[in-house]
Amino acid sequence: MTSFVQVVWLLSALLLTVSILLHSPKGDGLGGFGGQAQMFSSTKSAETALNRATWLLTVLFLGTTVILSGGWLSIPEAAVPIAPPAVNPAATPAEIPQTIPAVPTPPVAPTVPQNPQNED
């Protein structure tokens, strides 16, 4: 699922870059190449369609950026089952991995040596 969203994110980034470069604020911009202005009946409808496409790609790009950076598609570590280590039944006790207790044992208080009472 994450790889699909990454592909959508990458394509939206590339298409957003192209759509921004096609805008013509004062002149023709890059929209003049290849006769793209003749594709629509009027310049106004071409500009309106390009604006809508740019806004759609902007929302798609920002939405997928938030989803990917939030890590909402990754599986949490606690949900992934961890297989126990394989143990060879013919292994010697030195070769069998020692298990770590699930609950740590509480620390033991140090013993204080007792001083014998001096009887004078």
N, C-alpha and C. Protein backbone atom coordinates (compact mmCIF):
# COMPACT_ATOMS: atom_id res chain seq x y z
N MET A 1 0.83 -1.19 0.00
CA MET A 1 0.00 0.00 0.00
C MET A 1 0.87 1.26 0.00
N THR A 2 1.95 1.20 0.77
CA THR A 2 2.83 2.36 0.84
C THR A 2 3.47 2.65 -0.51
N SER A 3 3.86 1.60 -1.24
CA SER A 3 4.50 1.84 -2.52
C SER A 3 3.52 2.45 -3.53
N PHE A 4 2.24 2.07 -3.46
CA PHE A 4 1.24 2.67 -4.34
C PHE A 4 1.09 4.16 -4.05
N VAL A 5 1.04 4.53 -2.78
CA VAL A 5 0.91 5.94 -2.40
C VAL A 5 2.17 6.70 -2.80
N GLN A 6 3.32 6.06 -2.72
CA GLN A 6 4.56 6.71 -3.14
C GLN A 6 4.57 6.98 -4.64
N VAL A 7 4.02 6.05 -5.42
CA VAL A 7 3.94 6.26 -6.87
C VAL A 7 2.98 7.40 -7.18
N VAL A 8 1.83 7.44 -6.49
CA VAL A 8 0.87 8.54 -6.68
C VAL A 8 1.52 9.86 -6.30
N TRP A 9 2.27 9.87 -5.21
CA TRP A 9 2.96 11.08 -4.75
C TRP A 9 3.96 11.56 -5.80
N LEU A 10 4.74 10.63 -6.35
CA LEU A 10 5.75 11.00 -7.34
C LEU A 10 5.10 11.53 -8.62
N LEU A 11 4.06 10.84 -9.09
CA LEU A 11 3.39 11.30 -10.31
C LEU A 11 2.71 12.65 -10.10
N SER A 12 2.11 12.85 -8.94
CA SER A 12 1.47 14.15 -8.69
C SER A 12 2.52 15.26 -8.62
N ALA A 13 3.69 14.97 -8.08
CA ALA A 13 4.76 15.98 -8.03
C ALA A 13 5.22 16.35 -9.44
N LEU A 14 5.41 15.34 -10.28
CA LEU A 14 5.87 15.63 -11.64
C LEU A 14 4.80 16.38 -12.44
N LEU A 15 3.55 15.92 -12.34
CA LEU A 15 2.48 16.59 -13.08
C LEU A 15 2.21 18.00 -12.55
N LEU A 16 2.37 18.19 -11.24
CA LEU A 16 2.19 19.52 -10.67
C LEU A 16 3.27 20.47 -11.20
N THR A 17 4.49 19.99 -11.30
CA THR A 17 5.57 20.81 -11.85
C THR A 17 5.27 21.20 -13.29
N VAL A 18 4.83 20.25 -14.08
CA VAL A 18 4.51 20.54 -15.49
C VAL A 18 3.34 21.52 -15.57
N SER A 19 2.31 21.31 -14.76
CA SER A 19 1.14 22.21 -14.84
C SER A 19 1.49 23.63 -14.41
N ILE A 20 2.38 23.77 -13.46
CA ILE A 20 2.80 25.11 -13.04
C ILE A 20 3.61 25.78 -14.16
N LEU A 21 4.45 25.00 -14.83
CA LEU A 21 5.24 25.56 -15.92
C LEU A 21 4.37 25.93 -17.13
N LEU A 22 3.23 25.29 -17.27
CA LEU A 22 2.35 25.58 -18.40
C LEU A 22 1.53 26.86 -18.20
N HIS A 23 1.45 27.35 -16.99
CA HIS A 23 0.70 28.59 -16.75
C HIS A 23 1.35 29.75 -17.48
N SER A 24 0.51 30.66 -17.94
CA SER A 24 1.03 31.82 -18.65
C SER A 24 0.50 33.09 -17.97
N PRO A 25 1.23 33.59 -16.97
CA PRO A 25 0.72 34.76 -16.26
C PRO A 25 0.69 36.01 -17.13
N LYS A 26 1.71 36.27 -17.94
CA LYS A 26 1.74 37.47 -18.78
C LYS A 26 1.93 37.11 -20.24
N GLY A 27 2.80 36.14 -20.49
CA GLY A 27 3.05 35.75 -21.87
C GLY A 27 2.51 34.35 -22.11
N ASP A 28 3.13 33.67 -23.03
CA ASP A 28 2.69 32.31 -23.34
C ASP A 28 3.24 31.28 -22.37
N GLY A 29 4.33 31.58 -21.71
CA GLY A 29 4.95 30.59 -20.83
C GLY A 29 5.40 29.40 -21.66
N LEU A 30 5.41 28.24 -21.06
CA LEU A 30 5.75 27.04 -21.80
C LEU A 30 4.53 26.47 -22.51
N GLY A 31 3.35 27.05 -22.29
CA GLY A 31 2.14 26.58 -22.95
C GLY A 31 2.14 26.88 -24.44
N GLY A 32 3.01 27.73 -24.91
CA GLY A 32 3.07 28.05 -26.32
C GLY A 32 3.74 26.98 -27.15
N PHE A 33 4.46 26.06 -26.53
CA PHE A 33 5.13 25.00 -27.26
C PHE A 33 4.13 23.97 -27.75
N GLY A 34 4.27 23.54 -28.94
CA GLY A 34 3.46 22.46 -29.48
C GLY A 34 2.04 22.84 -29.81
N GLY A 35 1.71 24.08 -29.83
CA GLY A 35 0.36 24.48 -30.19
C GLY A 35 -0.68 24.09 -29.16
N GLN A 36 -0.34 24.11 -27.91
CA GLN A 36 -1.28 23.70 -26.88
C GLN A 36 -2.41 24.70 -26.70
N ALA A 37 -2.21 25.93 -27.08
CA ALA A 37 -3.26 26.92 -26.92
C ALA A 37 -4.44 26.64 -27.86
N GLN A 38 -4.20 25.96 -28.99
CA GLN A 38 -5.28 25.67 -29.92
C GLN A 38 -6.11 24.47 -29.48
N MET A 39 -5.73 23.82 -28.41
CA MET A 39 -6.42 22.64 -27.95
C MET A 39 -7.80 22.97 -27.40
N PHE A 40 -7.97 24.14 -26.87
CA PHE A 40 -9.24 24.57 -26.31
C PHE A 40 -9.89 25.62 -27.21
N SER A 41 -11.19 25.82 -27.02
CA SER A 41 -11.89 26.77 -27.88
C SER A 41 -11.49 28.21 -27.59
N SER A 42 -11.17 28.49 -26.35
CA SER A 42 -10.74 29.86 -26.02
C SER A 42 -9.61 29.79 -25.01
N THR A 43 -8.91 30.88 -24.90
CA THR A 43 -7.81 30.95 -23.95
C THR A 43 -8.32 30.89 -22.52
N LYS A 44 -9.49 31.48 -22.30
CA LYS A 44 -10.07 31.50 -20.96
C LYS A 44 -10.40 30.09 -20.47
N SER A 45 -10.97 29.25 -21.32
CA SER A 45 -11.29 27.89 -20.91
C SER A 45 -10.03 27.06 -20.68
N ALA A 46 -8.98 27.33 -21.45
CA ALA A 46 -7.71 26.63 -21.25
C ALA A 46 -7.11 27.02 -19.91
N GLU A 47 -7.16 28.30 -19.59
CA GLU A 47 -6.61 28.75 -18.31
C GLU A 47 -7.42 28.21 -17.14
N THR A 48 -8.73 28.16 -17.28
CA THR A 48 -9.59 27.64 -16.21
C THR A 48 -9.32 26.15 -15.99
N ALA A 49 -9.20 25.39 -17.06
CA ALA A 49 -8.92 23.95 -16.94
C ALA A 49 -7.54 23.72 -16.32
N LEU A 50 -6.58 24.53 -16.71
CA LEU A 50 -5.23 24.39 -16.16
C LEU A 50 -5.20 24.76 -14.68
N ASN A 51 -5.96 25.79 -14.29
CA ASN A 51 -6.04 26.15 -12.87
C ASN A 51 -6.66 25.03 -12.04
N ARG A 52 -7.74 24.43 -12.55
CA ARG A 52 -8.38 23.34 -11.82
C ARG A 52 -7.46 22.14 -11.69
N ALA A 53 -6.77 21.82 -12.77
CA ALA A 53 -5.84 20.69 -12.72
C ALA A 53 -4.70 20.96 -11.75
N THR A 54 -4.21 22.20 -11.73
CA THR A 54 -3.12 22.55 -10.81
C THR A 54 -3.58 22.45 -9.36
N TRP A 55 -4.78 22.94 -9.06
CA TRP A 55 -5.29 22.85 -7.69
C TRP A 55 -5.53 21.40 -7.28
N LEU A 56 -6.06 20.60 -8.19
CA LEU A 56 -6.28 19.19 -7.90
C LEU A 56 -4.97 18.47 -7.60
N LEU A 57 -3.96 18.73 -8.42
CA LEU A 57 -2.65 18.11 -8.21
C LEU A 57 -1.99 18.62 -6.93
N THR A 58 -2.23 19.89 -6.59
CA THR A 58 -1.68 20.43 -5.35
C THR A 58 -2.27 19.73 -4.14
N VAL A 59 -3.58 19.57 -4.13
CA VAL A 59 -4.25 18.88 -3.01
C VAL A 59 -3.80 17.42 -2.94
N LEU A 60 -3.70 16.76 -4.08
CA LEU A 60 -3.25 15.36 -4.11
C LEU A 60 -1.82 15.24 -3.60
N PHE A 61 -0.95 16.13 -4.04
CA PHE A 61 0.45 16.09 -3.61
C PHE A 61 0.58 16.34 -2.12
N LEU A 62 -0.08 17.37 -1.62
CA LEU A 62 0.02 17.68 -0.19
C LEU A 62 -0.62 16.60 0.67
N GLY A 63 -1.73 16.04 0.21
CA GLY A 63 -2.38 14.97 0.97
C GLY A 63 -1.51 13.73 1.07
N THR A 64 -0.93 13.31 -0.03
CA THR A 64 -0.06 12.14 0.01
C THR A 64 1.23 12.42 0.79
N THR A 65 1.69 13.66 0.77
CA THR A 65 2.87 14.02 1.57
C THR A 65 2.58 13.86 3.06
N VAL A 66 1.42 14.33 3.49
CA VAL A 66 1.06 14.21 4.91
C VAL A 66 0.89 12.74 5.29
N ILE A 67 0.25 11.95 4.44
CA ILE A 67 0.03 10.53 4.73
C ILE A 67 1.37 9.79 4.82
N LEU A 68 2.26 10.04 3.88
CA LEU A 68 3.55 9.35 3.89
C LEU A 68 4.45 9.81 5.04
N SER A 69 4.44 11.09 5.34
CA SER A 69 5.32 11.58 6.41
C SER A 69 4.77 11.21 7.79
N GLY A 70 3.46 11.03 7.90
CA GLY A 70 2.87 10.64 9.18
C GLY A 70 3.09 9.18 9.50
N GLY A 71 3.46 8.37 8.52
CA GLY A 71 3.69 6.96 8.76
C GLY A 71 2.41 6.19 9.05
N TRP A 72 1.30 6.66 8.55
CA TRP A 72 0.00 6.04 8.85
C TRP A 72 -0.23 4.75 8.10
N LEU A 73 0.58 4.47 7.09
CA LEU A 73 0.39 3.26 6.31
C LEU A 73 1.30 2.13 6.74
N SER A 74 2.27 2.41 7.60
CA SER A 74 3.18 1.36 8.03
C SER A 74 2.56 0.55 9.16
N ILE A 75 2.96 -0.69 9.26
CA ILE A 75 2.45 -1.58 10.30
C ILE A 75 3.24 -1.30 11.58
N PRO A 76 2.56 -1.08 12.70
CA PRO A 76 3.29 -0.85 13.95
C PRO A 76 4.11 -2.07 14.33
N GLU A 77 5.21 -1.86 15.01
CA GLU A 77 6.09 -2.96 15.38
C GLU A 77 5.42 -3.96 16.30
N ALA A 78 4.53 -3.50 17.15
CA ALA A 78 3.87 -4.39 18.09
C ALA A 78 2.93 -5.36 17.38
N ALA A 79 2.43 -5.00 16.21
CA ALA A 79 1.49 -5.85 15.49
C ALA A 79 2.19 -6.92 14.66
N VAL A 80 3.49 -6.76 14.44
CA VAL A 80 4.23 -7.74 13.64
C VAL A 80 4.62 -8.90 14.55
N PRO A 81 4.19 -10.12 14.23
CA PRO A 81 4.57 -11.24 15.08
C PRO A 81 6.05 -11.54 14.94
N ILE A 82 6.65 -11.83 16.04
CA ILE A 82 8.08 -12.14 16.06
C ILE A 82 8.21 -13.64 16.29
N ALA A 83 8.85 -14.31 15.35
CA ALA A 83 9.01 -15.76 15.45
C ALA A 83 10.10 -16.08 16.46
N PRO A 84 9.90 -17.10 17.29
CA PRO A 84 10.96 -17.48 18.23
C PRO A 84 12.15 -18.04 17.46
N PRO A 85 13.34 -17.97 18.03
CA PRO A 85 14.51 -18.49 17.33
C PRO A 85 14.40 -20.00 17.15
N ALA A 86 14.86 -20.47 16.02
CA ALA A 86 14.82 -21.90 15.75
C ALA A 86 15.84 -22.61 16.62
N VAL A 87 15.41 -23.71 17.23
CA VAL A 87 16.30 -24.47 18.11
C VAL A 87 16.48 -25.85 17.50
N ASN A 88 17.70 -26.25 17.37
CA ASN A 88 18.02 -27.57 16.87
C ASN A 88 17.82 -28.57 18.00
N PRO A 89 16.95 -29.57 17.83
CA PRO A 89 16.71 -30.50 18.94
C PRO A 89 17.94 -31.31 19.33
N ALA A 90 18.90 -31.47 18.43
CA ALA A 90 20.10 -32.23 18.74
C ALA A 90 21.22 -31.34 19.26
N ALA A 91 20.93 -30.10 19.51
CA ALA A 91 21.98 -29.17 19.95
C ALA A 91 22.32 -29.39 21.40
N THR A 92 23.54 -29.08 21.72
CA THR A 92 23.97 -29.17 23.12
C THR A 92 23.46 -27.95 23.87
N PRO A 93 23.37 -28.02 25.19
CA PRO A 93 22.85 -26.87 25.94
C PRO A 93 23.63 -25.59 25.71
N ALA A 94 24.90 -25.67 25.37
CA ALA A 94 25.68 -24.46 25.13
C ALA A 94 25.26 -23.79 23.82
N GLU A 95 24.71 -24.57 22.88
CA GLU A 95 24.33 -24.03 21.59
C GLU A 95 22.91 -23.46 21.60
N ILE A 96 22.09 -23.78 22.60
CA ILE A 96 20.72 -23.30 22.67
C ILE A 96 20.73 -21.86 23.16
N PRO A 97 20.09 -20.96 22.42
CA PRO A 97 20.09 -19.55 22.85
C PRO A 97 19.31 -19.39 24.15
N GLN A 98 19.85 -18.57 25.01
CA GLN A 98 19.20 -18.31 26.29
C GLN A 98 18.08 -17.31 26.08
N THR A 99 16.96 -17.55 26.71
CA THR A 99 15.84 -16.64 26.58
C THR A 99 15.96 -15.53 27.60
N ILE A 100 15.48 -14.39 27.21
CA ILE A 100 15.48 -13.23 28.10
C ILE A 100 14.13 -13.20 28.80
N PRO A 101 14.10 -13.05 30.12
CA PRO A 101 12.81 -13.03 30.81
C PRO A 101 11.96 -11.85 30.34
N ALA A 102 10.65 -12.08 30.26
CA ALA A 102 9.74 -11.03 29.80
C ALA A 102 9.67 -9.89 30.79
N VAL A 103 9.73 -10.19 32.07
CA VAL A 103 9.67 -9.17 33.10
C VAL A 103 11.04 -9.13 33.77
N PRO A 104 11.66 -7.99 33.81
CA PRO A 104 12.98 -7.92 34.47
C PRO A 104 12.84 -8.18 35.96
N THR A 105 13.84 -8.83 36.48
CA THR A 105 13.83 -9.11 37.91
C THR A 105 14.20 -7.84 38.66
N PRO A 106 13.57 -7.63 39.82
CA PRO A 106 13.89 -6.41 40.57
C PRO A 106 15.31 -6.48 41.12
N PRO A 107 15.95 -5.35 41.27
CA PRO A 107 17.32 -5.36 41.79
C PRO A 107 17.33 -5.81 43.25
N VAL A 108 18.37 -6.50 43.59
CA VAL A 108 18.53 -6.99 44.96
C VAL A 108 19.30 -5.94 45.75
N ALA A 109 18.81 -5.67 46.94
CA ALA A 109 19.48 -4.69 47.79
C ALA A 109 20.83 -5.24 48.22
N PRO A 110 21.85 -4.41 48.21
CA PRO A 110 23.17 -4.90 48.63
C PRO A 110 23.17 -5.20 50.13
N THR A 111 23.91 -6.22 50.46
CA THR A 111 24.00 -6.57 51.88
C THR A 111 25.11 -5.75 52.52
N VAL A 112 24.82 -5.31 53.71
CA VAL A 112 25.79 -4.49 54.45
C VAL A 112 26.46 -5.41 55.47
N PRO A 113 27.77 -5.48 55.46
CA PRO A 113 28.44 -6.35 56.45
C PRO A 113 28.19 -5.78 57.84
N GLN A 114 27.89 -6.67 58.72
CA GLN A 114 27.63 -6.24 60.09
C GLN A 114 28.94 -6.23 60.88
N ASN A 115 29.13 -5.15 61.61
CA ASN A 115 30.32 -5.04 62.44
C ASN A 115 30.07 -5.75 63.77
N PRO A 116 30.98 -6.62 64.14
CA PRO A 116 30.80 -7.25 65.46
C PRO A 116 30.91 -6.20 66.56
N GLN A 117 30.09 -6.34 67.53
CA GLN A 117 30.13 -5.35 68.62
C GLN A 117 31.37 -5.59 69.47
N ASN A 118 32.04 -4.54 69.71
CA ASN A 118 33.24 -4.62 70.54
C ASN A 118 32.82 -4.59 72.00
N GLU A 119 33.15 -5.66 72.66
CA GLU A 119 32.87 -5.69 74.10
C GLU A 119 34.14 -5.38 74.86
N ASP A 120 34.15 -4.35 75.59
CA ASP A 120 35.33 -3.96 76.37
C ASP A 120 35.19 -4.31 77.79
